[in-house]
Amino acid sequence: MTCASCVQTIESYLHANGAVSAAKVNLLTEVADVSFDERVLKPRDVIDLIQEIGFDATIYKPAARAATLEKREEIAKWRRLFFFCLSFAVPHLLFMVAGWIPKLEMALHLEMDVVHNLTVMTLASWILSTPVMIFGGWRFFRASYLALRHRAVTMDVLIAIGTGSAYLYSVVAVILGLANPDFQVKVFFEVALFLVTFVMLGRYLENMAKGKTSEAITKLLLLQPAKVSFFDYSLSPVLLVLLPPFLFLLLPLLFSLLLLTLLSFSLVQLPFCSVFFVFSSLLNISTGGVAQAGRGNGQFPRLEAGRR
């Protein structure tokens, strides 16, 4: 599976079967959860249904380690396919670069006709692209055929249309050029070659990313405890019987302690309040006496004279 369209295709096809009550596919983990009537279908029948539309399927293995190993096998498979296609794409790229340099083009005789209307460059492109289309692109054509047979369009269909049209047009152009000397031959073998190679690279990187995610999920699942202990903290009937008398004895005690605390706080604060009151009274008396003495000694007449 490569996109949401693949998920929708599988779910729709499974739901179309009357014995399937529910089907849910996870694109990231590539796991399908299917509920079906065991009296009508068996697990092997569900796998056959999925394979009919061009997808590979196996019975899910609950062991988390097995899922990680399967993803490693997928990564290894797409890595081999990518390097296989790359081994043909790199020489073709070198031929193209040589064709842009006049001296190399003349030295390699790339534009020389092997037969009429078939140059060395065209023949090299045909030879290099054919193994890639056969061994690398056949899986896209097979998946496209199975999907179109059930009226479903997936990403494989788009890849097959793009690469197949470029390759078939080029083959037909070469044949027409050999048959008709006046036919202008224009081929696109390199389009099919490089497109399949880039798709292989994308699948390889995609499975690497999924493999890392699957490995992280596997490690997280391994942290899950195998045994869980449950403790019941609810009150027992014995405590429910003894609790009311206990509270009846405890409340008067708490009230007495609170009263003693307030009383002790008042007794401690009372001397400080008395001293503060006496000190304030003395301060007021002394201030009033100074002001009266000042008026008797004649210290304020100049203020009165200034006002006049």
C-alpha atoms as a PDB file:
ATOM      1  CA  MET A   1       0.000   0.000   0.000  1.00  0.00           C
ATOM      2  CA  THR A   2       1.268   3.440  -0.902  1.00  0.00           C
ATOM      3  CA  CYS A   3      -1.567   5.933  -0.388  1.00  0.00           C
ATOM      4  CA  ALA A   4      -5.066   6.490   0.998  1.00  0.00           C
ATOM      5  CA  SER A   5      -6.526   5.296  -2.300  1.00  0.00           C
ATOM      6  CA  CYS A   6      -5.120   1.817  -1.654  1.00  0.00           C
ATOM      7  CA  VAL A   7      -6.760   1.781   1.788  1.00  0.00           C
ATOM      8  CA  GLN A   8     -10.101   2.836   0.344  1.00  0.00           C
ATOM      9  CA  THR A   9      -9.860   0.236  -2.417  1.00  0.00           C
ATOM     10  CA  ILE A  10      -9.259  -2.626   0.033  1.00  0.00           C
ATOM     11  CA  GLU A  11     -11.970  -1.511   2.453  1.00  0.00           C
ATOM     12  CA  SER A  12     -14.529  -0.995  -0.318  1.00  0.00           C
ATOM     13  CA  TYR A  13     -13.834  -4.379  -1.881  1.00  0.00           C
ATOM     14  CA  LEU A  14     -14.088  -6.175   1.456  1.00  0.00           C
ATOM     15  CA  HIS A  15     -17.306  -4.368   2.381  1.00  0.00           C
ATOM     16  CA  ALA A  16     -18.798  -5.437  -0.942  1.00  0.00           C
ATOM     17  CA  ASN A  17     -18.680  -9.021   0.313  1.00  0.00           C
ATOM     18  CA  GLY A  18     -21.823  -9.855   2.272  1.00  0.00           C
ATOM     19  CA  ALA A  19     -19.981 -12.016   4.803  1.00  0.00           C
ATOM     20  CA  VAL A  20     -17.720  -9.119   5.893  1.00  0.00           C
ATOM     21  CA  SER A  21     -19.311  -6.953   8.572  1.00  0.00           C
ATOM     22  CA  ALA A  22     -16.431  -4.520   9.149  1.00  0.00           C
ATOM     23  CA  ALA A  23     -13.026  -3.803   7.609  1.00  0.00           C
ATOM     24  CA  LYS A  24     -10.512  -1.192   8.708  1.00  0.00           C
ATOM     25  CA  VAL A  25      -7.044  -0.815   7.171  1.00  0.00           C
ATOM     26  CA  ASN A  26      -4.144   1.073   8.756  1.00  0.00           C
ATOM     27  CA  LEU A  27      -1.850   2.592   6.128  1.00  0.00           C
ATOM     28  CA  LEU A  28       1.127   3.110   8.449  1.00  0.00           C
ATOM     29  CA  THR A  29       1.265  -0.350  10.002  1.00  0.00           C
ATOM     30  CA  GLU A  30      -0.231  -2.047   6.901  1.00  0.00           C
ATOM     31  CA  VAL A  31      -2.561  -4.099   9.075  1.00  0.00           C
ATOM     32  CA  ALA A  32      -6.218  -4.789   8.237  1.00  0.00           C
ATOM     33  CA  ASP A  33      -8.766  -5.523  10.968  1.00  0.00           C
ATOM     34  CA  VAL A  34     -11.558  -7.535   9.338  1.00  0.00           C
ATOM     35  CA  SER A  35     -14.707  -8.850  11.006  1.00  0.00           C
ATOM     36  CA  PHE A  36     -16.526 -11.551   9.064  1.00  0.00           C
ATOM     37  CA  ASP A  37     -18.929 -14.451   9.416  1.00  0.00           C
ATOM     38  CA  GLU A  38     -16.823 -17.532  10.075  1.00  0.00           C
ATOM     39  CA  ARG A  39     -19.625 -19.753   8.848  1.00  0.00           C
ATOM     40  CA  VAL A  40     -19.229 -18.288   5.351  1.00  0.00           C
ATOM     41  CA  LEU A  41     -15.595 -17.154   5.131  1.00  0.00           C
ATOM     42  CA  LYS A  42     -12.312 -18.355   6.502  1.00  0.00           C
ATOM     43  CA  PRO A  43      -9.141 -16.291   7.067  1.00  0.00           C
ATOM     44  CA  ARG A  44      -7.678 -17.780   3.912  1.00  0.00           C
ATOM     45  CA  ASP A  45     -10.698 -16.549   1.942  1.00  0.00           C
ATOM     46  CA  VAL A  46     -10.187 -12.992   3.205  1.00  0.00           C
ATOM     47  CA  ILE A  47      -6.546 -13.133   2.096  1.00  0.00           C
ATOM     48  CA  ASP A  48      -7.651 -14.304  -1.341  1.00  0.00           C
ATOM     49  CA  LEU A  49     -10.079 -11.388  -1.591  1.00  0.00           C
ATOM     50  CA  ILE A  50      -7.289  -8.903  -0.885  1.00  0.00           C
ATOM     51  CA  GLN A  51      -4.929 -10.594  -3.329  1.00  0.00           C
ATOM     52  CA  GLU A  52      -7.570 -10.453  -6.052  1.00  0.00           C
ATOM     53  CA  ILE A  53      -7.213  -6.660  -6.241  1.00  0.00           C
ATOM     54  CA  GLY A  54      -3.414  -6.742  -6.439  1.00  0.00           C
ATOM     55  CA  PHE A  55      -2.256  -6.538  -2.805  1.00  0.00           C
ATOM     56  CA  ASP A  56      -0.235  -9.074  -0.881  1.00  0.00           C
ATOM     57  CA  ALA A  57      -1.681 -10.285   2.422  1.00  0.00           C
ATOM     58  CA  THR A  58      -0.823 -12.754   5.151  1.00  0.00           C
ATOM     59  CA  ILE A  59      -2.379 -13.694   8.473  1.00  0.00           C
ATOM     60  CA  TYR A  60      -1.349 -11.221  11.147  1.00  0.00           C
ATOM     61  CA  LYS A  61       1.269 -12.494  13.585  1.00  0.00           C
ATOM     62  CA  PRO A  62       0.741 -11.113  17.093  1.00  0.00           C
ATOM     63  CA  ALA A  63       4.436 -11.271  17.892  1.00  0.00           C
ATOM     64  CA  ALA A  64       5.765  -7.717  17.644  1.00  0.00           C
ATOM     65  CA  ARG A  65       9.207  -8.970  16.717  1.00  0.00           C
ATOM     66  CA  ALA A  66       7.828 -10.761  13.663  1.00  0.00           C
ATOM     67  CA  ALA A  67       6.322  -7.510  12.347  1.00  0.00           C
ATOM     68  CA  THR A  68       9.678  -5.776  12.638  1.00  0.00           C
ATOM     69  CA  LEU A  69      11.437  -8.607  10.807  1.00  0.00           C
ATOM     70  CA  GLU A  70       8.864  -8.497   7.994  1.00  0.00           C
ATOM     71  CA  LYS A  71       9.485  -4.788   7.556  1.00  0.00           C
ATOM     72  CA  ARG A  72      13.202  -5.474   7.312  1.00  0.00           C
ATOM     73  CA  GLU A  73      12.515  -7.952   4.548  1.00  0.00           C
ATOM     74  CA  GLU A  74      10.489  -5.311   2.703  1.00  0.00           C
ATOM     75  CA  ILE A  75      13.310  -2.810   3.036  1.00  0.00           C
ATOM     76  CA  ALA A  76      15.831  -5.343   1.722  1.00  0.00           C
ATOM     77  CA  LYS A  77      13.579  -6.216  -1.242  1.00  0.00           C
ATOM     78  CA  TRP A  78      13.097  -2.610  -2.372  1.00  0.00           C
ATOM     79  CA  ARG A  79      16.794  -1.866  -1.840  1.00  0.00           C
ATOM     80  CA  ARG A  80      17.740  -4.705  -4.206  1.00  0.00           C
ATOM     81  CA  LEU A  81      15.242  -3.511  -6.807  1.00  0.00           C
ATOM     82  CA  PHE A  82      16.457   0.070  -6.581  1.00  0.00           C
ATOM     83  CA  PHE A  83      20.120  -0.813  -7.064  1.00  0.00           C
ATOM     84  CA  PHE A  84      19.191  -3.153  -9.900  1.00  0.00           C
ATOM     85  CA  CYS A  85      17.429  -0.300 -11.731  1.00  0.00           C
ATOM     86  CA  LEU A  86      20.190   2.118 -10.826  1.00  0.00           C
ATOM     87  CA  SER A  87      22.787  -0.138 -12.446  1.00  0.00           C
ATOM     88  CA  PHE A  88      21.052   0.481 -15.799  1.00  0.00           C
ATOM     89  CA  ALA A  89      20.104   4.108 -15.204  1.00  0.00           C
ATOM     90  CA  VAL A  90      23.663   5.303 -14.504  1.00  0.00           C
ATOM     91  CA  PRO A  91      25.154   4.032 -17.829  1.00  0.00           C
ATOM     92  CA  HIS A  92      22.226   5.583 -19.709  1.00  0.00           C
ATOM     93  CA  LEU A  93      22.865   8.882 -17.940  1.00  0.00           C
ATOM     94  CA  LEU A  94      26.524   8.730 -18.966  1.00  0.00           C
ATOM     95  CA  PHE A  95      25.487   8.147 -22.585  1.00  0.00           C
ATOM     96  CA  MET A  96      23.207  11.185 -22.399  1.00  0.00           C
ATOM     97  CA  VAL A  97      25.982  13.366 -20.967  1.00  0.00           C
ATOM     98  CA  ALA A  98      28.356  12.137 -23.655  1.00  0.00           C
ATOM     99  CA  GLY A  99      25.770  13.105 -26.296  1.00  0.00           C
ATOM    100  CA  TRP A 100      25.865  16.703 -25.049  1.00  0.00           C
ATOM    101  CA  ILE A 101      29.654  16.905 -25.584  1.00  0.00           C
ATOM    102  CA  PRO A 102      30.499  16.968 -29.324  1.00  0.00           C
ATOM    103  CA  LYS A 103      33.920  15.356 -29.001  1.00  0.00           C
ATOM    104  CA  LEU A 104      32.635  12.447 -26.896  1.00  0.00           C
ATOM    105  CA  GLU A 105      29.670  12.036 -29.196  1.00  0.00           C
ATOM    106  CA  MET A 106      31.931  11.753 -32.218  1.00  0.00           C
ATOM    107  CA  ALA A 107      34.300   9.414 -30.388  1.00  0.00           C
ATOM    108  CA  LEU A 108      31.522   7.047 -29.317  1.00  0.00           C
ATOM    109  CA  HIS A 109      29.641   7.366 -32.638  1.00  0.00           C
ATOM    110  CA  LEU A 110      26.364   7.805 -30.766  1.00  0.00           C
ATOM    111  CA  GLU A 111      24.550   9.234 -33.790  1.00  0.00           C
ATOM    112  CA  MET A 112      25.818   6.616 -36.201  1.00  0.00           C
ATOM    113  CA  ASP A 113      23.123   4.391 -37.714  1.00  0.00           C
ATOM    114  CA  VAL A 114      23.390   0.712 -36.856  1.00  0.00           C
ATOM    115  CA  VAL A 115      20.638   0.123 -39.369  1.00  0.00           C
ATOM    116  CA  HIS A 116      18.482   2.697 -41.094  1.00  0.00           C
ATOM    117  CA  ASN A 117      16.813   5.067 -38.592  1.00  0.00           C
ATOM    118  CA  LEU A 118      18.297   3.165 -35.619  1.00  0.00           C
ATOM    119  CA  THR A 119      21.257   4.985 -34.081  1.00  0.00           C
ATOM    120  CA  VAL A 120      23.712   3.708 -31.495  1.00  0.00           C
ATOM    121  CA  MET A 121      22.128   5.949 -28.833  1.00  0.00           C
ATOM    122  CA  THR A 122      18.608   4.675 -29.573  1.00  0.00           C
ATOM    123  CA  LEU A 123      19.747   1.057 -29.521  1.00  0.00           C
ATOM    124  CA  ALA A 124      21.622   1.596 -26.216  1.00  0.00           C
ATOM    125  CA  SER A 125      18.537   3.210 -24.660  1.00  0.00           C
ATOM    126  CA  TRP A 126      16.363   0.318 -25.788  1.00  0.00           C
ATOM    127  CA  ILE A 127      18.776  -2.285 -24.410  1.00  0.00           C
ATOM    128  CA  LEU A 128      19.214  -0.518 -21.050  1.00  0.00           C
ATOM    129  CA  SER A 129      15.525   0.198 -20.432  1.00  0.00           C
ATOM    130  CA  THR A 130      14.153  -3.246 -21.338  1.00  0.00           C
ATOM    131  CA  PRO A 131      15.508  -5.191 -18.266  1.00  0.00           C
ATOM    132  CA  VAL A 132      14.219  -2.447 -15.977  1.00  0.00           C
ATOM    133  CA  MET A 133      10.739  -2.621 -17.489  1.00  0.00           C
ATOM    134  CA  ILE A 134      10.677  -6.433 -17.319  1.00  0.00           C
ATOM    135  CA  PHE A 135      12.163  -7.110 -13.874  1.00  0.00           C
ATOM    136  CA  GLY A 136      11.345  -3.827 -12.160  1.00  0.00           C
ATOM    137  CA  GLY A 137       8.128  -2.640 -13.756  1.00  0.00           C
ATOM    138  CA  TRP A 138       6.221  -5.916 -14.048  1.00  0.00           C
ATOM    139  CA  ARG A 139       4.907  -5.606 -10.467  1.00  0.00           C
ATOM    140  CA  PHE A 140       3.245  -2.285 -11.348  1.00  0.00           C
ATOM    141  CA  PHE A 141       1.598  -3.742 -14.449  1.00  0.00           C
ATOM    142  CA  ARG A 142       0.355  -6.785 -12.536  1.00  0.00           C
ATOM    143  CA  ALA A 143      -1.094  -4.674  -9.713  1.00  0.00           C
ATOM    144  CA  SER A 144      -2.655  -2.306 -12.260  1.00  0.00           C
ATOM    145  CA  TYR A 145      -4.316  -5.153 -14.115  1.00  0.00           C
ATOM    146  CA  LEU A 146      -5.819  -6.595 -10.929  1.00  0.00           C
ATOM    147  CA  ALA A 147      -6.994  -3.168  -9.750  1.00  0.00           C
ATOM    148  CA  LEU A 148      -8.576  -2.208 -13.096  1.00  0.00           C
ATOM    149  CA  ARG A 149     -10.261  -5.575 -13.330  1.00  0.00           C
ATOM    150  CA  HIS A 150     -12.188  -4.649 -10.187  1.00  0.00           C
ATOM    151  CA  ARG A 151     -12.717  -1.041 -11.344  1.00  0.00           C
ATOM    152  CA  ALA A 152     -10.241   0.448  -8.873  1.00  0.00           C
ATOM    153  CA  VAL A 153      -7.556   3.053  -9.588  1.00  0.00           C
ATOM    154  CA  THR A 154      -4.397   3.011  -7.472  1.00  0.00           C
ATOM    155  CA  MET A 155      -0.962   4.573  -7.622  1.00  0.00           C
ATOM    156  CA  ASP A 156       0.309   1.518  -9.465  1.00  0.00           C
ATOM    157  CA  VAL A 157      -2.089   2.303 -12.306  1.00  0.00           C
ATOM    158  CA  LEU A 158      -0.574   5.784 -12.732  1.00  0.00           C
ATOM    159  CA  ILE A 159       2.966   4.399 -12.716  1.00  0.00           C
ATOM    160  CA  ALA A 160       2.066   1.698 -15.235  1.00  0.00           C
ATOM    161  CA  ILE A 161       0.400   4.229 -17.567  1.00  0.00           C
ATOM    162  CA  GLY A 162       3.361   6.625 -17.459  1.00  0.00           C
ATOM    163  CA  THR A 163       6.140   4.095 -17.932  1.00  0.00           C
ATOM    164  CA  GLY A 164       4.211   1.799 -20.275  1.00  0.00           C
ATOM    165  CA  SER A 165       3.136   4.543 -22.660  1.00  0.00           C
ATOM    166  CA  ALA A 166       6.682   5.936 -22.934  1.00  0.00           C
ATOM    167  CA  TYR A 167       8.221   2.510 -23.540  1.00  0.00           C
ATOM    168  CA  LEU A 168       5.567   1.230 -25.974  1.00  0.00           C
ATOM    169  CA  TYR A 169       5.582   4.440 -27.988  1.00  0.00           C
ATOM    170  CA  SER A 170       9.363   4.229 -28.335  1.00  0.00           C
ATOM    171  CA  VAL A 171       9.220   0.597 -29.478  1.00  0.00           C
ATOM    172  CA  VAL A 172       6.540   1.399 -32.047  1.00  0.00           C
ATOM    173  CA  ALA A 173       8.548   4.427 -33.241  1.00  0.00           C
ATOM    174  CA  VAL A 174      11.643   2.270 -33.768  1.00  0.00           C
ATOM    175  CA  ILE A 175       9.651  -0.357 -35.698  1.00  0.00           C
ATOM    176  CA  LEU A 176       8.026   2.292 -37.890  1.00  0.00           C
ATOM    177  CA  GLY A 177      11.419   3.881 -38.500  1.00  0.00           C
ATOM    178  CA  LEU A 178      12.848   0.578 -39.646  1.00  0.00           C
ATOM    179  CA  ALA A 179       9.874  -0.010 -41.908  1.00  0.00           C
ATOM    180  CA  ASN A 180       9.680   3.514 -43.335  1.00  0.00           C
ATOM    181  CA  PRO A 181      12.938   5.329 -44.175  1.00  0.00           C
ATOM    182  CA  ASP A 182      11.139   8.691 -44.226  1.00  0.00           C
ATOM    183  CA  PHE A 183       9.739   8.316 -40.667  1.00  0.00           C
ATOM    184  CA  GLN A 184      11.230  10.678 -38.080  1.00  0.00           C
ATOM    185  CA  VAL A 185      12.167   8.483 -35.090  1.00  0.00           C
ATOM    186  CA  LYS A 186      11.794  10.073 -31.630  1.00  0.00           C
ATOM    187  CA  VAL A 187      12.089   7.734 -28.656  1.00  0.00           C
ATOM    188  CA  PHE A 188      11.515   8.102 -24.894  1.00  0.00           C
ATOM    189  CA  PHE A 189      13.153   4.989 -23.475  1.00  0.00           C
ATOM    190  CA  GLU A 190      14.949   7.112 -20.875  1.00  0.00           C
ATOM    191  CA  VAL A 191      11.618   8.351 -19.474  1.00  0.00           C
ATOM    192  CA  ALA A 192      10.489   4.826 -18.623  1.00  0.00           C
ATOM    193  CA  LEU A 193      13.921   3.885 -17.293  1.00  0.00           C
ATOM    194  CA  PHE A 194      14.372   6.866 -14.961  1.00  0.00           C
ATOM    195  CA  LEU A 195      10.747   6.910 -13.848  1.00  0.00           C
ATOM    196  CA  VAL A 196      10.856   3.296 -12.680  1.00  0.00           C
ATOM    197  CA  THR A 197      14.197   3.941 -10.969  1.00  0.00           C
ATOM    198  CA  PHE A 198      12.863   6.951  -9.063  1.00  0.00           C
ATOM    199  CA  VAL A 199       9.747   5.036  -8.042  1.00  0.00           C
ATOM    200  CA  MET A 200      11.957   2.246  -6.690  1.00  0.00           C
ATOM    201  CA  LEU A 201      13.931   4.834  -4.738  1.00  0.00           C
ATOM    202  CA  GLY A 202      10.715   6.268  -3.324  1.00  0.00           C
ATOM    203  CA  ARG A 203       9.447   2.846  -2.260  1.00  0.00           C
ATOM    204  CA  TYR A 204      12.786   2.076  -0.649  1.00  0.00           C
ATOM    205  CA  LEU A 205      12.804   5.320   1.364  1.00  0.00           C
ATOM    206  CA  GLU A 206       9.134   4.878   2.261  1.00  0.00           C
ATOM    207  CA  ASN A 207       9.710   1.404   3.679  1.00  0.00           C
ATOM    208  CA  MET A 208      12.756   2.621   5.578  1.00  0.00           C
ATOM    209  CA  ALA A 209      10.639   5.314   7.253  1.00  0.00           C
ATOM    210  CA  LYS A 210       7.861   2.812   7.998  1.00  0.00           C
ATOM    211  CA  GLY A 211      10.427   0.370   9.351  1.00  0.00           C
ATOM    212  CA  LYS A 212      11.771   2.922  11.831  1.00  0.00           C
ATOM    213  CA  THR A 213       8.244   3.783  12.933  1.00  0.00           C
ATOM    214  CA  SER A 214       7.356   0.102  13.297  1.00  0.00           C
ATOM    215  CA  GLU A 215      10.505  -0.504  15.317  1.00  0.00           C
ATOM    216  CA  ALA A 216       9.674   2.399  17.634  1.00  0.00           C
ATOM    217  CA  ILE A 217       6.148   1.079  18.138  1.00  0.00           C
ATOM    218  CA  THR A 218       7.565  -2.392  18.793  1.00  0.00           C
ATOM    219  CA  LYS A 219       9.886  -1.074  21.501  1.00  0.00           C
ATOM    220  CA  LEU A 220       6.987   0.830  23.038  1.00  0.00           C
ATOM    221  CA  LEU A 221       4.840  -2.310  23.124  1.00  0.00           C
ATOM    222  CA  LEU A 222       7.659  -4.245  24.777  1.00  0.00           C
ATOM    223  CA  LEU A 223       7.535  -1.750  27.676  1.00  0.00           C
ATOM    224  CA  GLN A 224       3.973  -2.782  28.413  1.00  0.00           C
ATOM    225  CA  PRO A 225       3.846  -4.704  31.744  1.00  0.00           C
ATOM    226  CA  ALA A 226       2.934  -8.359  31.549  1.00  0.00           C
ATOM    227  CA  LYS A 227       1.153  -8.354  34.926  1.00  0.00           C
ATOM    228  CA  VAL A 228      -0.989  -5.682  36.572  1.00  0.00           C
ATOM    229  CA  SER A 229      -1.999  -5.681  40.249  1.00  0.00           C
ATOM    230  CA  PHE A 230      -5.277  -4.089  41.304  1.00  0.00           C
ATOM    231  CA  PHE A 231      -5.777  -2.694  44.818  1.00  0.00           C
ATOM    232  CA  ASP A 232      -9.246  -1.962  46.245  1.00  0.00           C
ATOM    233  CA  TYR A 233      -9.118   1.119  48.476  1.00  0.00           C
ATOM    234  CA  SER A 234     -12.840   1.129  49.315  1.00  0.00           C
ATOM    235  CA  LEU A 235     -13.861   1.090  53.009  1.00  0.00           C
ATOM    236  CA  SER A 236     -14.568  -2.287  54.538  1.00  0.00           C
ATOM    237  CA  PRO A 237     -17.837  -2.992  56.420  1.00  0.00           C
ATOM    238  CA  VAL A 238     -15.925  -3.078  59.723  1.00  0.00           C
ATOM    239  CA  LEU A 239     -14.678   0.491  59.237  1.00  0.00           C
ATOM    240  CA  LEU A 240     -18.144   1.649  58.262  1.00  0.00           C
ATOM    241  CA  VAL A 241     -19.445   0.296  61.580  1.00  0.00           C
ATOM    242  CA  LEU A 242     -16.650   1.770  63.752  1.00  0.00           C
ATOM    243  CA  LEU A 243     -16.391   5.149  62.033  1.00  0.00           C
ATOM    244  CA  PRO A 244     -19.521   6.927  63.463  1.00  0.00           C
ATOM    245  CA  PRO A 245     -18.627   6.318  67.189  1.00  0.00           C
ATOM    246  CA  PHE A 246     -15.055   7.340  66.479  1.00  0.00           C
ATOM    247  CA  LEU A 247     -16.190  10.624  64.955  1.00  0.00           C
ATOM    248  CA  PHE A 248     -18.570  11.187  67.855  1.00  0.00           C
ATOM    249  CA  LEU A 249     -15.601  11.046  70.260  1.00  0.00           C
ATOM    250  CA  LEU A 250     -13.202  12.946  68.045  1.00  0.00           C
ATOM    251  CA  LEU A 251     -15.297  16.062  67.349  1.00  0.00           C
ATOM    252  CA  PRO A 252     -15.499  17.283  71.006  1.00  0.00           C
ATOM    253  CA  LEU A 253     -11.753  16.786  71.312  1.00  0.00           C
ATOM    254  CA  LEU A 254     -11.066  18.854  68.206  1.00  0.00           C
ATOM    255  CA  PHE A 255     -13.412  21.596  69.409  1.00  0.00           C
ATOM    256  CA  SER A 256     -11.618  21.755  72.801  1.00  0.00           C
ATOM    257  CA  LEU A 257      -8.207  22.039  71.132  1.00  0.00           C
ATOM    258  CA  LEU A 258      -9.451  24.877  68.924  1.00  0.00           C
ATOM    259  CA  LEU A 259     -10.858  26.773  71.918  1.00  0.00           C
ATOM    260  CA  LEU A 260      -7.619  26.415  73.878  1.00  0.00           C
ATOM    261  CA  THR A 261      -5.622  27.664  70.887  1.00  0.00           C
ATOM    262  CA  LEU A 262      -7.750  30.807  70.560  1.00  0.00           C
ATOM    263  CA  LEU A 263      -7.595  31.488  74.268  1.00  0.00           C
ATOM    264  CA  SER A 264      -3.837  31.141  74.443  1.00  0.00           C
ATOM    265  CA  PHE A 265      -3.452  33.476  71.453  1.00  0.00           C
ATOM    266  CA  SER A 266      -5.577  36.146  73.217  1.00  0.00           C
ATOM    267  CA  LEU A 267      -3.568  35.888  76.440  1.00  0.00           C
ATOM    268  CA  VAL A 268      -0.297  36.301  74.585  1.00  0.00           C
ATOM    269  CA  GLN A 269      -1.481  39.331  72.589  1.00  0.00           C
ATOM    270  CA  LEU A 270      -3.088  41.173  75.550  1.00  0.00           C
ATOM    271  CA  PRO A 271       0.168  42.508  77.196  1.00  0.00           C
ATOM    272  CA  PHE A 272       1.423  43.852  73.891  1.00  0.00           C
ATOM    273  CA  CYS A 273      -1.883  45.654  73.273  1.00  0.00           C
ATOM    274  CA  SER A 274      -1.773  47.252  76.739  1.00  0.00           C
ATOM    275  CA  VAL A 275       1.790  48.501  76.318  1.00  0.00           C
ATOM    276  CA  PHE A 276       0.981  49.945  72.868  1.00  0.00           C
ATOM    277  CA  PHE A 277      -2.069  51.799  74.303  1.00  0.00           C
ATOM    278  CA  VAL A 278      -0.064  53.319  77.169  1.00  0.00           C
ATOM    279  CA  PHE A 279       2.768  54.364  74.863  1.00  0.00           C
ATOM    280  CA  SER A 280       0.343  56.049  72.448  1.00  0.00           C
ATOM    281  CA  SER A 281      -1.311  57.984  75.288  1.00  0.00           C
ATOM    282  CA  LEU A 282       2.012  59.266  76.579  1.00  0.00           C
ATOM    283  CA  LEU A 283       3.052  60.327  73.089  1.00  0.00           C
ATOM    284  CA  ASN A 284      -0.146  62.357  72.591  1.00  0.00           C
ATOM    285  CA  ILE A 285       0.242  64.078  75.975  1.00  0.00           C
ATOM    286  CA  SER A 286       3.879  65.033  75.315  1.00  0.00           C
ATOM    287  CA  THR A 287       3.091  66.368  71.833  1.00  0.00           C
ATOM    288  CA  GLY A 288       0.229  68.486  73.135  1.00  0.00           C
ATOM    289  CA  GLY A 289       2.401  69.893  75.920  1.00  0.00           C
ATOM    290  CA  VAL A 290       5.159  70.952  73.559  1.00  0.00           C
ATOM    291  CA  ALA A 291       2.700  72.711  71.265  1.00  0.00           C
ATOM    292  CA  GLN A 292       1.134  74.604  74.209  1.00  0.00           C
ATOM    293  CA  ALA A 293       4.536  75.544  75.525  1.00  0.00           C
ATOM    294  CA  GLY A 294       5.514  76.875  72.146  1.00  0.00           C
ATOM    295  CA  ARG A 295       2.575  79.196  72.007  1.00  0.00           C
ATOM    296  CA  GLY A 296       3.328  80.516  75.543  1.00  0.00           C
ATOM    297  CA  ASN A 297       6.986  81.256  74.737  1.00  0.00           C
ATOM    298  CA  GLY A 298       6.194  83.445  71.726  1.00  0.00           C
ATOM    299  CA  GLN A 299       7.600  81.224  68.994  1.00  0.00           C
ATOM    300  CA  PHE A 300       4.652  81.713  66.641  1.00  0.00           C
ATOM    301  CA  PRO A 301       3.986  85.535  66.524  1.00  0.00           C
ATOM    302  CA  ARG A 302       6.096  85.940  63.378  1.00  0.00           C
ATOM    303  CA  LEU A 303       3.764  83.597  61.549  1.00  0.00           C
ATOM    304  CA  GLU A 304       0.816  85.705  62.657  1.00  0.00           C
ATOM    305  CA  ALA A 305       2.611  88.904  61.612  1.00  0.00           C
ATOM    306  CA  GLY A 306       3.417  87.435  58.239  1.00  0.00           C
ATOM    307  CA  ARG A 307      -0.227  86.810  57.561  1.00  0.00           C
ATOM    308  CA  ARG A 308      -1.074  90.455  58.208  1.00  0.00           C
END
